[in-house]
């Protein structure tokens, strides 16, 4: 039986019990995929991150939902970086993660951890019936990248969406982003991925790889403060770099311990 360090981090928040919680499991070498999937299912968080140390400031990183492995996850990357900076290698100021989405870097900038992710601009697409039924309201525009991006007129519409998860499960994308211009922020959003075991994600860094290119065109600016309107809520500081997106946020530790597998 192996004893493995585990940390639970609340990402995109400076306060416990807010933002998006992710587990970070530290490995000496990769476990079999089925074991990592079972750990993620047992944790029952939207994502569990697994890291394997390569050399100073460099790690391999993979992410699992309770149901499947995914190719990119913002808040669990932020959580993994927080674990590196605060527990694994406190002397480093930058960490480089080797992932299925390529090399991802995270740097410390004051109280923020700033990630660099690939841009995923959505393309205009037809409006699936299941999308309209699943959101309970017809958006004014729909785009498709990894996820559907449904654009509405107001923040109030985003807050008051009446979600039908069974309809959203019929869609042929990983998840659904609903967004609108914000009242107290540049833009707001919510994110749903019920097929991956995530009914509503509290804060979704990877969704901003699609949100930022859209709002860059709409607002004609490159730097944004974004709010995710889940019950836990979260704040993200974003910047469009062309082929890449910078996403910054705070994080706090909730739990540290060990698991036995």
Protein backbone atom coordinates (compact mmCIF):
# COMPACT_ATOMS: atom_id res chain seq x y z
CA UNK A 1 0.00 0.00 0.00
CA UNK A 2 1.31 3.45 -0.96
CA UNK A 3 1.07 6.57 1.21
CA UNK A 4 0.52 9.67 -0.95
CA UNK A 5 0.43 13.36 0.06
CA UNK A 6 -2.82 15.14 -0.81
CA UNK A 7 -3.86 18.79 -0.57
CA UNK A 8 -7.28 20.32 -1.07
CA UNK A 9 -7.04 23.87 -2.33
CA UNK A 10 -9.77 26.47 -2.89
CA UNK A 11 -8.80 28.18 -6.15
CA UNK A 12 -9.76 31.61 -7.50
CA UNK A 13 -10.54 32.92 -4.05
CA UNK A 14 -8.73 34.40 -1.07
CA UNK A 15 -11.19 32.87 1.41
CA UNK A 16 -11.92 29.27 2.43
CA UNK A 17 -15.25 27.77 1.34
CA UNK A 18 -15.36 29.92 -1.81
CA UNK A 19 -13.88 29.58 -5.29
CA UNK A 20 -13.40 26.11 -6.73
CA UNK A 21 -11.94 23.30 -4.61
CA UNK A 22 -9.47 20.89 -6.21
CA UNK A 23 -7.44 18.03 -4.81
CA UNK A 24 -3.73 17.77 -5.59
CA UNK A 25 -2.10 14.33 -5.24
CA UNK A 26 1.70 14.15 -5.29
CA UNK A 27 3.25 11.10 -6.97
CA UNK A 28 6.78 9.75 -7.42
CA UNK A 29 5.65 8.06 -10.63
CA UNK A 30 2.38 7.62 -12.46
CA UNK A 31 -0.18 5.22 -11.02
CA UNK A 32 -2.32 3.14 -13.36
CA UNK A 33 -5.05 5.28 -14.94
CA UNK A 34 -7.81 3.27 -13.33
CA UNK A 35 -6.36 3.95 -9.85
CA UNK A 36 -6.13 7.69 -10.50
CA UNK A 37 -9.71 7.64 -11.74
CA UNK A 38 -10.81 5.83 -8.57
CA UNK A 39 -9.01 8.43 -6.43
CA UNK A 40 -10.78 11.24 -8.30
CA UNK A 41 -14.10 9.47 -7.82
CA UNK A 42 -13.40 9.00 -4.10
CA UNK A 43 -12.46 12.69 -3.72
CA UNK A 44 -15.71 13.62 -5.47
CA UNK A 45 -14.48 17.11 -6.38
CA UNK A 46 -14.92 18.56 -9.86
CA UNK A 47 -11.22 17.84 -10.51
CA UNK A 48 -8.30 16.06 -8.91
CA UNK A 49 -4.82 17.00 -10.13
CA UNK A 50 -1.93 14.51 -10.10
CA UNK A 51 1.66 15.79 -10.26
CA UNK A 52 4.96 13.99 -10.84
CA UNK A 53 8.21 15.89 -10.22
CA UNK A 54 10.65 16.11 -13.15
CA UNK A 55 13.29 18.61 -12.00
CA UNK A 56 13.41 21.89 -10.09
CA UNK A 57 10.25 23.85 -10.88
CA UNK A 58 9.00 21.31 -13.45
CA UNK A 59 6.25 18.71 -13.11
CA UNK A 60 4.07 16.47 -15.18
CA UNK A 61 0.39 17.21 -14.54
CA UNK A 62 -2.86 15.37 -15.28
CA UNK A 63 -6.46 16.12 -14.31
CA UNK A 64 -9.38 13.79 -13.59
CA UNK A 65 -13.04 14.52 -12.91
CA UNK A 66 -15.00 11.88 -10.97
CA UNK A 67 -15.85 10.30 -14.34
CA UNK A 68 -13.01 10.90 -16.80
CA UNK A 69 -9.59 12.37 -17.52
CA UNK A 70 -9.68 15.81 -19.16
CA UNK A 71 -7.16 17.69 -21.31
CA UNK A 72 -7.15 21.08 -19.53
CA UNK A 73 -8.28 22.45 -16.17
CA UNK A 74 -7.60 25.94 -14.87
CA UNK A 75 -8.52 25.80 -11.21
CA UNK A 76 -6.78 22.46 -10.60
CA UNK A 77 -3.64 23.87 -12.28
CA UNK A 78 -3.82 26.88 -9.96
CA UNK A 79 -4.25 24.47 -7.03
CA UNK A 80 -1.26 22.38 -8.15
CA UNK A 81 0.88 25.52 -8.46
CA UNK A 82 -0.21 26.62 -4.98
CA UNK A 83 0.91 23.24 -3.62
CA UNK A 84 4.29 23.57 -5.33
CA UNK A 85 4.89 27.16 -4.15
CA UNK A 86 3.77 26.53 -0.58
CA UNK A 87 4.71 22.89 0.16
CA UNK A 88 6.80 21.12 -2.48
CA UNK A 89 9.28 23.81 -3.61
CA UNK A 90 8.79 27.06 -1.68
CA UNK A 91 12.00 28.54 -3.16
CA UNK A 92 10.76 28.66 -6.78
CA UNK A 93 8.87 31.64 -8.26
CA UNK A 94 7.73 29.86 -11.44
CA UNK A 95 6.48 26.35 -12.07
CA UNK A 96 6.23 24.63 -15.45
CA UNK A 97 3.67 21.87 -15.98
CA UNK A 98 3.95 19.37 -18.83
CA UNK A 99 0.39 18.38 -19.78
CA UNK A 100 -1.75 16.95 -22.57
CA UNK A 101 -2.40 20.57 -23.60
CA UNK A 102 1.31 21.36 -23.82
CA UNK A 103 3.56 23.32 -21.47
CA UNK A 104 1.69 25.47 -18.93
CA UNK A 105 3.51 28.00 -16.76
CA UNK A 106 2.41 29.58 -13.48
CA UNK A 107 4.21 32.50 -11.81
CA UNK A 108 3.70 34.34 -8.53
CA UNK A 109 2.72 38.00 -8.84
CA UNK A 110 2.05 39.33 -5.36
CA UNK A 111 -0.97 37.49 -3.97
CA UNK A 112 -1.94 36.21 -7.42
CA UNK A 113 -0.88 33.04 -9.21
CA UNK A 114 -0.84 33.78 -12.94
CA UNK A 115 -1.21 30.93 -15.44
CA UNK A 116 -0.53 30.98 -19.18
CA UNK A 117 -2.95 28.79 -21.14
CA UNK A 118 -3.60 28.23 -24.87
CA UNK A 119 -6.32 30.39 -26.42
CA UNK A 120 -9.41 28.48 -27.63
CA UNK A 121 -11.47 30.90 -29.64
CA UNK A 122 -14.96 29.68 -30.47
CA UNK A 123 -16.39 29.56 -33.98
CA UNK A 124 -19.99 30.64 -34.72
CA UNK A 125 -22.24 27.60 -34.92
CA UNK A 126 -25.86 26.53 -35.14
CA UNK A 127 -27.93 26.67 -31.97
CA UNK A 128 -28.74 23.10 -30.88
CA UNK A 129 -32.23 22.55 -29.51
CA UNK A 130 -30.76 20.74 -26.49
CA UNK A 131 -28.70 23.82 -25.67
CA UNK A 132 -31.73 26.11 -25.60
CA UNK A 133 -33.76 23.61 -23.58
CA UNK A 134 -30.82 22.90 -21.28
CA UNK A 135 -30.29 26.56 -20.44
CA UNK A 136 -34.00 27.32 -20.27
CA UNK A 137 -33.60 30.38 -22.48
CA UNK A 138 -32.46 31.15 -26.02
CA UNK A 139 -29.07 32.91 -26.17
CA UNK A 140 -28.43 35.68 -28.68
CA UNK A 141 -25.29 33.97 -30.05
CA UNK A 142 -23.66 30.54 -29.89
CA UNK A 143 -20.03 29.57 -30.55
CA UNK A 144 -18.17 26.26 -30.34
CA UNK A 145 -14.62 25.44 -29.24
CA UNK A 146 -14.06 22.62 -26.74
CA UNK A 147 -17.25 23.89 -25.11
CA UNK A 148 -20.37 25.63 -26.34
CA UNK A 149 -20.31 29.37 -25.61
CA UNK A 150 -23.82 30.79 -25.18
CA UNK A 151 -23.97 34.59 -25.07
CA UNK A 152 -26.79 36.48 -23.33
CA UNK A 153 -27.62 40.15 -22.96
CA UNK A 154 -27.48 40.66 -19.18
CA UNK A 155 -25.89 39.40 -15.99
CA UNK A 156 -29.36 38.84 -14.56
CA UNK A 157 -30.12 36.32 -17.30
CA UNK A 158 -27.00 34.35 -16.38
CA UNK A 159 -27.92 34.35 -12.70
CA UNK A 160 -31.49 33.20 -13.39
CA UNK A 161 -30.91 30.41 -15.93
CA UNK A 162 -33.17 27.40 -15.34
CA UNK A 163 -30.85 24.50 -16.10
CA UNK A 164 -31.96 21.10 -17.43
CA UNK A 165 -28.92 18.88 -17.01
CA UNK A 166 -30.42 15.98 -18.94
CA UNK A 167 -30.76 18.19 -22.02
CA UNK A 168 -27.19 19.45 -21.67
CA UNK A 169 -25.95 15.85 -21.55
CA UNK A 170 -27.22 15.42 -25.13
CA UNK A 171 -24.72 17.95 -26.50
CA UNK A 172 -21.59 16.88 -28.38
CA UNK A 173 -19.18 19.17 -26.48
CA UNK A 174 -17.36 18.82 -23.17
CA UNK A 175 -19.31 21.60 -21.47
CA UNK A 176 -21.45 24.71 -21.82
CA UNK A 177 -20.38 28.26 -20.97
CA UNK A 178 -23.08 30.89 -20.45
CA UNK A 179 -21.85 34.48 -20.45
CA UNK A 180 -22.92 38.13 -20.53
CA UNK A 181 -21.43 41.55 -19.93
CA UNK A 182 -21.10 42.12 -16.19
CA UNK A 183 -22.45 44.82 -13.92
CA UNK A 184 -19.49 44.97 -11.54
CA UNK A 185 -16.99 43.13 -13.76
CA UNK A 186 -16.08 43.12 -17.44
CA UNK A 187 -18.02 39.88 -17.99
CA UNK A 188 -19.68 37.10 -16.02
CA UNK A 189 -20.19 33.41 -16.70
CA UNK A 190 -21.41 30.04 -15.52
CA UNK A 191 -20.17 26.62 -16.61
CA UNK A 192 -21.90 23.24 -16.87
CA UNK A 193 -20.40 19.84 -17.83
CA UNK A 194 -22.84 17.15 -16.62
CA UNK A 195 -21.49 14.47 -18.98
CA UNK A 196 -18.13 14.75 -17.16
CA UNK A 197 -19.75 14.57 -13.73
CA UNK A 198 -19.73 18.36 -13.20
CA UNK A 199 -23.29 19.68 -12.94
CA UNK A 200 -22.11 23.26 -12.35
CA UNK A 201 -18.44 24.08 -11.92
CA UNK A 202 -17.81 26.72 -9.24
CA UNK A 203 -14.99 28.47 -11.17
CA UNK A 204 -13.63 27.33 -14.53
CA UNK A 205 -10.23 28.65 -15.62
CA UNK A 206 -10.18 26.71 -18.89
CA UNK A 207 -13.51 28.23 -19.98
CA UNK A 208 -11.79 31.61 -20.00
CA UNK A 209 -9.57 30.38 -22.84
CA UNK A 210 -12.74 30.78 -24.92
CA UNK A 211 -14.36 33.65 -23.01
CA UNK A 212 -11.41 36.05 -23.24
CA UNK A 213 -11.03 36.00 -27.07
CA UNK A 214 -14.78 36.62 -27.42
CA UNK A 215 -14.88 39.53 -24.99
CA UNK A 216 -11.69 41.01 -26.45
CA UNK A 217 -13.63 41.51 -29.69
CA UNK A 218 -16.80 42.71 -28.02
CA UNK A 219 -15.23 45.12 -25.50
CA UNK A 220 -12.17 46.06 -27.57
CA UNK A 221 -9.74 45.57 -24.70
CA UNK A 222 -7.19 42.95 -23.67
CA UNK A 223 -7.32 42.87 -19.86
CA UNK A 224 -10.39 41.78 -17.91
CA UNK A 225 -11.79 41.17 -14.46
CA UNK A 226 -14.24 38.27 -14.69
CA UNK A 227 -16.72 36.82 -12.21
CA UNK A 228 -18.15 33.31 -12.24
CA UNK A 229 -21.66 33.34 -10.82
CA UNK A 230 -21.84 29.91 -9.21
CA UNK A 231 -23.06 29.69 -5.59
CA UNK A 232 -19.41 29.61 -4.37
CA UNK A 233 -18.36 32.29 -6.85
CA UNK A 234 -14.90 33.27 -8.00
CA UNK A 235 -12.87 36.14 -9.47
CA UNK A 236 -10.38 35.83 -12.32
CA UNK A 237 -7.92 38.35 -13.74
CA UNK A 238 -7.42 37.68 -17.44
CA UNK A 239 -5.30 39.00 -20.28
CA UNK A 240 -5.36 38.18 -23.98
CA UNK A 241 -1.87 37.51 -25.40
CA UNK A 242 -2.95 36.39 -28.87
CA UNK A 243 -2.23 32.67 -29.07
CA UNK A 244 -2.27 32.42 -25.27
CA UNK A 245 -4.35 33.64 -22.34
CA UNK A 246 -3.12 34.73 -18.93
CA UNK A 247 -5.45 33.79 -16.08
CA UNK A 248 -4.69 34.94 -12.56
CA UNK A 249 -6.30 34.26 -9.22
CA UNK A 250 -5.75 33.68 -5.53
CA UNK A 251 -5.89 30.35 -3.71
CA UNK A 252 -6.06 29.09 -0.12
CA UNK A 253 -5.44 25.69 1.43
CA UNK A 254 -8.37 23.90 3.05
CA UNK A 255 -6.82 20.53 3.89
CA UNK A 256 -3.58 18.60 3.76
CA UNK A 257 -3.12 14.95 4.54
CA UNK A 258 -2.32 11.52 3.14
CA UNK A 259 -4.20 8.88 1.19
CA UNK A 260 -3.46 5.15 1.08
CA UNK A 261 -3.83 3.15 -2.11
